[in-house]
Amino acid sequence: MKYELGPCLLALRLSEAGMTAEQLAQLLQYKPERLVDYIDNKRIMPLKTAIAIADTLGCRERDLYELKPL
């Protein structure tokens, strides 16, 4: 099945983990602005980044975006 990426769910996942974007950025050694761009849907995170974020937050990569079937 094919999917289209919907809105980024990173803010929700951060909230569930009790973490801020700044804390996650520090753990992963990313700039906080980069994570904010994902949250604001200004950028789509690359797979490698999604894996690192999902691993850190204890979720799956596919939980970071709303998926819309085509």
PDB file of N, CA and C in Angstrom:
ATOM      1  N   MET A   1       0.852  -1.180   0.000  1.00  0.00           N
ATOM      2  CA  MET A   1       0.000   0.000   0.000  1.00  0.00           C
ATOM      3  C   MET A   1       0.893   1.237   0.000  1.00  0.00           C
ATOM      4  N   LYS A   2       0.486   2.233  -0.758  1.00  0.00           N
ATOM      5  CA  LYS A   2       1.234   3.490  -0.822  1.00  0.00           C
ATOM      6  C   LYS A   2       0.650   4.484   0.174  1.00  0.00           C
ATOM      7  N   TYR A   3       1.543   5.315   0.714  1.00  0.00           N
ATOM      8  CA  TYR A   3       1.135   6.330   1.670  1.00  0.00           C
ATOM      9  C   TYR A   3       1.703   7.689   1.285  1.00  0.00           C
ATOM     10  N   GLU A   4       1.012   8.702   1.695  1.00  0.00           N
ATOM     11  CA  GLU A   4       1.506  10.075   1.608  1.00  0.00           C
ATOM     12  C   GLU A   4       1.754  10.526   3.048  1.00  0.00           C
ATOM     13  N   LEU A   5       2.854  11.263   3.244  1.00  0.00           N
ATOM     14  CA  LEU A   5       3.134  11.772   4.586  1.00  0.00           C
ATOM     15  C   LEU A   5       2.197  12.918   4.909  1.00  0.00           C
ATOM     16  N   GLY A   6       1.570  12.820   6.060  1.00  0.00           N
ATOM     17  CA  GLY A   6       0.754  13.908   6.571  1.00  0.00           C
ATOM     18  C   GLY A   6       1.587  14.747   7.524  1.00  0.00           C
ATOM     19  N   PRO A   7       0.946  15.401   8.453  1.00  0.00           N
ATOM     20  CA  PRO A   7       1.662  16.247   9.400  1.00  0.00           C
ATOM     21  C   PRO A   7       2.627  15.442  10.277  1.00  0.00           C
ATOM     22  N   CYS A   8       3.690  16.094  10.669  1.00  0.00           N
ATOM     23  CA  CYS A   8       4.670  15.507  11.576  1.00  0.00           C
ATOM     24  C   CYS A   8       4.051  15.402  12.964  1.00  0.00           C
ATOM     25  N   LEU A   9       4.266  14.272  13.619  1.00  0.00           N
ATOM     26  CA  LEU A   9       3.728  14.028  14.957  1.00  0.00           C
ATOM     27  C   LEU A   9       4.812  14.098  16.037  1.00  0.00           C
ATOM     28  N   LEU A  10       5.942  14.704  15.710  1.00  0.00           N
ATOM     29  CA  LEU A  10       7.055  14.756  16.653  1.00  0.00           C
ATOM     30  C   LEU A  10       6.681  15.487  17.939  1.00  0.00           C
ATOM     31  N   ALA A  11       5.933  16.571  17.854  1.00  0.00           N
ATOM     32  CA  ALA A  11       5.539  17.304  19.062  1.00  0.00           C
ATOM     33  C   ALA A  11       4.731  16.399  19.995  1.00  0.00           C
ATOM     34  N   LEU A  12       3.835  15.604  19.430  1.00  0.00           N
ATOM     35  CA  LEU A  12       3.030  14.675  20.220  1.00  0.00           C
ATOM     36  C   LEU A  12       3.914  13.612  20.872  1.00  0.00           C
ATOM     37  N   ARG A  13       4.837  13.056  20.096  1.00  0.00           N
ATOM     38  CA  ARG A  13       5.731  12.017  20.631  1.00  0.00           C
ATOM     39  C   ARG A  13       6.637  12.584  21.723  1.00  0.00           C
ATOM     40  N   LEU A  14       7.095  13.818  21.550  1.00  0.00           N
ATOM     41  CA  LEU A  14       7.909  14.460  22.590  1.00  0.00           C
ATOM     42  C   LEU A  14       7.096  14.627  23.869  1.00  0.00           C
ATOM     43  N   SER A  15       5.858  15.058  23.729  1.00  0.00           N
ATOM     44  CA  SER A  15       4.980  15.244  24.877  1.00  0.00           C
ATOM     45  C   SER A  15       4.759  13.916  25.609  1.00  0.00           C
ATOM     46  N   GLU A  16       4.515  12.869  24.844  1.00  0.00           N
ATOM     47  CA  GLU A  16       4.317  11.537  25.436  1.00  0.00           C
ATOM     48  C   GLU A  16       5.557  11.063  26.186  1.00  0.00           C
ATOM     49  N   ALA A  17       6.729  11.443  25.690  1.00  0.00           N
ATOM     50  CA  ALA A  17       7.994  11.043  26.316  1.00  0.00           C
ATOM     51  C   ALA A  17       8.410  11.997  27.439  1.00  0.00           C
ATOM     52  N   GLY A  18       7.642  13.086  27.614  1.00  0.00           N
ATOM     53  CA  GLY A  18       7.992  14.064  28.643  1.00  0.00           C
ATOM     54  C   GLY A  18       9.294  14.782  28.354  1.00  0.00           C
ATOM     55  N   MET A  19       9.514  15.077  27.088  1.00  0.00           N
ATOM     56  CA  MET A  19      10.766  15.673  26.644  1.00  0.00           C
ATOM     57  C   MET A  19      10.480  16.889  25.771  1.00  0.00           C
ATOM     58  N   THR A  20      11.404  17.833  25.767  1.00  0.00           N
ATOM     59  CA  THR A  20      11.289  18.992  24.888  1.00  0.00           C
ATOM     60  C   THR A  20      12.140  18.768  23.645  1.00  0.00           C
ATOM     61  N   ALA A  21      11.877  19.575  22.628  1.00  0.00           N
ATOM     62  CA  ALA A  21      12.686  19.513  21.403  1.00  0.00           C
ATOM     63  C   ALA A  21      14.141  19.840  21.719  1.00  0.00           C
ATOM     64  N   GLU A  22      14.354  20.762  22.642  1.00  0.00           N
ATOM     65  CA  GLU A  22      15.719  21.148  23.021  1.00  0.00           C
ATOM     66  C   GLU A  22      16.457  19.984  23.680  1.00  0.00           C
ATOM     67  N   GLN A  23      15.755  19.241  24.533  1.00  0.00           N
ATOM     68  CA  GLN A  23      16.381  18.086  25.188  1.00  0.00           C
ATOM     69  C   GLN A  23      16.724  17.000  24.178  1.00  0.00           C
ATOM     70  N   LEU A  24      15.797  16.744  23.257  1.00  0.00           N
ATOM     71  CA  LEU A  24      16.048  15.736  22.225  1.00  0.00           C
ATOM     72  C   LEU A  24      17.208  16.165  21.343  1.00  0.00           C
ATOM     73  N   ALA A  25      17.221  17.427  20.965  1.00  0.00           N
ATOM     74  CA  ALA A  25      18.309  17.938  20.126  1.00  0.00           C
ATOM     75  C   ALA A  25      19.658  17.760  20.819  1.00  0.00           C
ATOM     76  N   GLN A  26      19.693  18.021  22.108  1.00  0.00           N
ATOM     77  CA  GLN A  26      20.950  17.879  22.851  1.00  0.00           C
ATOM     78  C   GLN A  26      21.391  16.413  22.884  1.00  0.00           C
ATOM     79  N   LEU A  27      20.457  15.504  23.128  1.00  0.00           N
ATOM     80  CA  LEU A  27      20.784  14.078  23.158  1.00  0.00           C
ATOM     81  C   LEU A  27      21.335  13.584  21.822  1.00  0.00           C
ATOM     82  N   LEU A  28      20.741  14.081  20.729  1.00  0.00           N
ATOM     83  CA  LEU A  28      21.129  13.611  19.393  1.00  0.00           C
ATOM     84  C   LEU A  28      22.189  14.483  18.734  1.00  0.00           C
ATOM     85  N   GLN A  29      22.569  15.547  19.423  1.00  0.00           N
ATOM     86  CA  GLN A  29      23.542  16.510  18.900  1.00  0.00           C
ATOM     87  C   GLN A  29      23.068  17.128  17.581  1.00  0.00           C
ATOM     88  N   TYR A  30      21.785  17.520  17.574  1.00  0.00           N
ATOM     89  CA  TYR A  30      21.186  18.247  16.460  1.00  0.00           C
ATOM     90  C   TYR A  30      20.934  19.670  16.920  1.00  0.00           C
ATOM     91  N   LYS A  31      20.778  20.565  15.975  1.00  0.00           N
ATOM     92  CA  LYS A  31      20.355  21.919  16.314  1.00  0.00           C
ATOM     93  C   LYS A  31      18.858  21.883  16.621  1.00  0.00           C
ATOM     94  N   PRO A  32      18.419  22.540  17.695  1.00  0.00           N
ATOM     95  CA  PRO A  32      16.988  22.537  18.016  1.00  0.00           C
ATOM     96  C   PRO A  32      16.133  23.068  16.873  1.00  0.00           C
ATOM     97  N   GLU A  33      16.662  24.013  16.107  1.00  0.00           N
ATOM     98  CA  GLU A  33      15.916  24.597  14.993  1.00  0.00           C
ATOM     99  C   GLU A  33      15.552  23.538  13.957  1.00  0.00           C
ATOM    100  N   ARG A  34      16.423  22.564  13.806  1.00  0.00           N
ATOM    101  CA  ARG A  34      16.173  21.483  12.849  1.00  0.00           C
ATOM    102  C   ARG A  34      14.935  20.689  13.270  1.00  0.00           C
ATOM    103  N   LEU A  35      14.842  20.366  14.555  1.00  0.00           N
ATOM    104  CA  LEU A  35      13.683  19.630  15.048  1.00  0.00           C
ATOM    105  C   LEU A  35      12.419  20.468  14.952  1.00  0.00           C
ATOM    106  N   VAL A  36      12.532  21.751  15.228  1.00  0.00           N
ATOM    107  CA  VAL A  36      11.378  22.650  15.116  1.00  0.00           C
ATOM    108  C   VAL A  36      10.890  22.707  13.671  1.00  0.00           C
ATOM    109  N   ASP A  37      11.816  22.681  12.719  1.00  0.00           N
ATOM    110  CA  ASP A  37      11.422  22.648  11.303  1.00  0.00           C
ATOM    111  C   ASP A  37      10.612  21.395  10.987  1.00  0.00           C
ATOM    112  N   TYR A  38      10.983  20.254  11.564  1.00  0.00           N
ATOM    113  CA  TYR A  38      10.202  19.023  11.364  1.00  0.00           C
ATOM    114  C   TYR A  38       8.819  19.185  11.986  1.00  0.00           C
ATOM    115  N   ILE A  39       8.785  19.682  13.229  1.00  0.00           N
ATOM    116  CA  ILE A  39       7.519  19.862  13.943  1.00  0.00           C
ATOM    117  C   ILE A  39       6.589  20.799  13.176  1.00  0.00           C
ATOM    118  N   ASP A  40       7.152  21.862  12.617  1.00  0.00           N
ATOM    119  CA  ASP A  40       6.356  22.856  11.873  1.00  0.00           C
ATOM    120  C   ASP A  40       6.107  22.453  10.427  1.00  0.00           C
ATOM    121  N   ASN A  41       6.517  21.243  10.057  1.00  0.00           N
ATOM    122  CA  ASN A  41       6.332  20.715   8.696  1.00  0.00           C
ATOM    123  C   ASN A  41       7.026  21.557   7.629  1.00  0.00           C
ATOM    124  N   LYS A  42       8.144  22.167   7.998  1.00  0.00           N
ATOM    125  CA  LYS A  42       8.945  22.924   7.033  1.00  0.00           C
ATOM    126  C   LYS A  42       9.951  22.018   6.332  1.00  0.00           C
ATOM    127  N   ARG A  43      10.294  20.907   6.979  1.00  0.00           N
ATOM    128  CA  ARG A  43      11.231  19.931   6.424  1.00  0.00           C
ATOM    129  C   ARG A  43      10.710  18.536   6.737  1.00  0.00           C
ATOM    130  N   ILE A  44      11.034  17.595   5.882  1.00  0.00           N
ATOM    131  CA  ILE A  44      10.724  16.185   6.141  1.00  0.00           C
ATOM    132  C   ILE A  44      12.006  15.533   6.624  1.00  0.00           C
ATOM    133  N   MET A  45      11.907  14.830   7.741  1.00  0.00           N
ATOM    134  CA  MET A  45      13.125  14.231   8.297  1.00  0.00           C
ATOM    135  C   MET A  45      13.583  13.048   7.451  1.00  0.00           C
ATOM    136  N   PRO A  46      14.884  12.969   7.210  1.00  0.00           N
ATOM    137  CA  PRO A  46      15.433  11.817   6.494  1.00  0.00           C
ATOM    138  C   PRO A  46      15.268  10.545   7.334  1.00  0.00           C
ATOM    139  N   LEU A  47      15.296   9.405   6.688  1.00  0.00           N
ATOM    140  CA  LEU A  47      15.098   8.130   7.362  1.00  0.00           C
ATOM    141  C   LEU A  47      16.104   7.942   8.497  1.00  0.00           C
ATOM    142  N   LYS A  48      17.348   8.254   8.263  1.00  0.00           N
ATOM    143  CA  LYS A  48      18.384   8.097   9.284  1.00  0.00           C
ATOM    144  C   LYS A  48      18.045   8.921  10.530  1.00  0.00           C
ATOM    145  N   THR A  49      17.546  10.115  10.342  1.00  0.00           N
ATOM    146  CA  THR A  49      17.137  10.978  11.452  1.00  0.00           C
ATOM    147  C   THR A  49      15.914  10.407  12.145  1.00  0.00           C
ATOM    148  N   ALA A  50      14.948   9.939  11.367  1.00  0.00           N
ATOM    149  CA  ALA A  50      13.736   9.359  11.939  1.00  0.00           C
ATOM    150  C   ALA A  50      14.067   8.137  12.797  1.00  0.00           C
ATOM    151  N   ILE A  51      15.014   7.335  12.350  1.00  0.00           N
ATOM    152  CA  ILE A  51      15.431   6.161  13.124  1.00  0.00           C
ATOM    153  C   ILE A  51      16.039   6.596  14.455  1.00  0.00           C
ATOM    154  N   ALA A  52      16.914   7.587  14.420  1.00  0.00           N
ATOM    155  CA  ALA A  52      17.562   8.073  15.646  1.00  0.00           C
ATOM    156  C   ALA A  52      16.534   8.660  16.610  1.00  0.00           C
ATOM    157  N   ILE A  53      15.595   9.448  16.075  1.00  0.00           N
ATOM    158  CA  ILE A  53      14.571  10.067  16.915  1.00  0.00           C
ATOM    159  C   ILE A  53      13.657   8.994  17.504  1.00  0.00           C
ATOM    160  N   ALA A  54      13.187   8.073  16.682  1.00  0.00           N
ATOM    161  CA  ALA A  54      12.289   7.020  17.156  1.00  0.00           C
ATOM    162  C   ALA A  54      12.969   6.165  18.219  1.00  0.00           C
ATOM    163  N   ASP A  55      14.216   5.818  18.009  1.00  0.00           N
ATOM    164  CA  ASP A  55      14.958   5.015  18.978  1.00  0.00           C
ATOM    165  C   ASP A  55      15.074   5.756  20.314  1.00  0.00           C
ATOM    166  N   THR A  56      15.348   7.037  20.256  1.00  0.00           N
ATOM    167  CA  THR A  56      15.495   7.843  21.465  1.00  0.00           C
ATOM    168  C   THR A  56      14.169   8.007  22.201  1.00  0.00           C
ATOM    169  N   LEU A  57      13.079   8.167  21.454  1.00  0.00           N
ATOM    170  CA  LEU A  57      11.772   8.389  22.062  1.00  0.00           C
ATOM    171  C   LEU A  57      11.026   7.087  22.394  1.00  0.00           C
ATOM    172  N   GLY A  58      11.559   5.962  21.926  1.00  0.00           N
ATOM    173  CA  GLY A  58      10.925   4.675  22.199  1.00  0.00           C
ATOM    174  C   GLY A  58       9.661   4.447  21.393  1.00  0.00           C
ATOM    175  N   CYS A  59       9.668   4.922  20.153  1.00  0.00           N
ATOM    176  CA  CYS A  59       8.518   4.692  19.268  1.00  0.00           C
ATOM    177  C   CYS A  59       9.038   4.145  17.937  1.00  0.00           C
ATOM    178  N   ARG A  60       8.132   3.939  16.996  1.00  0.00           N
ATOM    179  CA  ARG A  60       8.525   3.472  15.663  1.00  0.00           C
ATOM    180  C   ARG A  60       8.681   4.679  14.739  1.00  0.00           C
ATOM    181  N   GLU A  61       9.448   4.521  13.701  1.00  0.00           N
ATOM    182  CA  GLU A  61       9.654   5.601  12.738  1.00  0.00           C
ATOM    183  C   GLU A  61       8.326   6.065  12.153  1.00  0.00           C
ATOM    184  N   ARG A  62       7.446   5.128  11.866  1.00  0.00           N
ATOM    185  CA  ARG A  62       6.169   5.485  11.247  1.00  0.00           C
ATOM    186  C   ARG A  62       5.252   6.237  12.204  1.00  0.00           C
ATOM    187  N   ASP A  63       5.578   6.251  13.492  1.00  0.00           N
ATOM    188  CA  ASP A  63       4.788   7.005  14.472  1.00  0.00           C
ATOM    189  C   ASP A  63       5.152   8.493  14.478  1.00  0.00           C
ATOM    190  N   LEU A  64       6.125   8.878  13.687  1.00  0.00           N
ATOM    191  CA  LEU A  64       6.570  10.269  13.669  1.00  0.00           C
ATOM    192  C   LEU A  64       5.801  11.130  12.668  1.00  0.00           C
ATOM    193  N   TYR A  65       5.025  10.484  11.804  1.00  0.00           N
ATOM    194  CA  TYR A  65       4.211  11.207  10.814  1.00  0.00           C
ATOM    195  C   TYR A  65       2.836  10.579  10.727  1.00  0.00           C
ATOM    196  N   GLU A  66       1.850  11.387  10.456  1.00  0.00           N
ATOM    197  CA  GLU A  66       0.536  10.874  10.105  1.00  0.00           C
ATOM    198  C   GLU A  66       0.659  10.311   8.698  1.00  0.00           C
ATOM    199  N   LEU A  67       0.176   9.103   8.489  1.00  0.00           N
ATOM    200  CA  LEU A  67       0.265   8.473   7.170  1.00  0.00           C
ATOM    201  C   LEU A  67      -1.120   8.445   6.541  1.00  0.00           C
ATOM    202  N   LYS A  68      -1.197   8.920   5.305  1.00  0.00           N
ATOM    203  CA  LYS A  68      -2.465   8.963   4.576  1.00  0.00           C
ATOM    204  C   LYS A  68      -2.392   7.989   3.411  1.00  0.00           C
ATOM    205  N   PRO A  69      -3.249   6.963   3.407  1.00  0.00           N
ATOM    206  CA  PRO A  69      -3.242   6.027   2.273  1.00  0.00           C
ATOM    207  C   PRO A  69      -3.613   6.745   0.979  1.00  0.00           C
ATOM    208  N   LEU A  70      -2.973   6.336  -0.099  1.00  0.00           N
ATOM    209  CA  LEU A  70      -3.289   6.897  -1.422  1.00  0.00           C
ATOM    210  C   LEU A  70      -4.329   6.057  -2.127  1.00  0.00           C
TER     211      LEU A  70
END
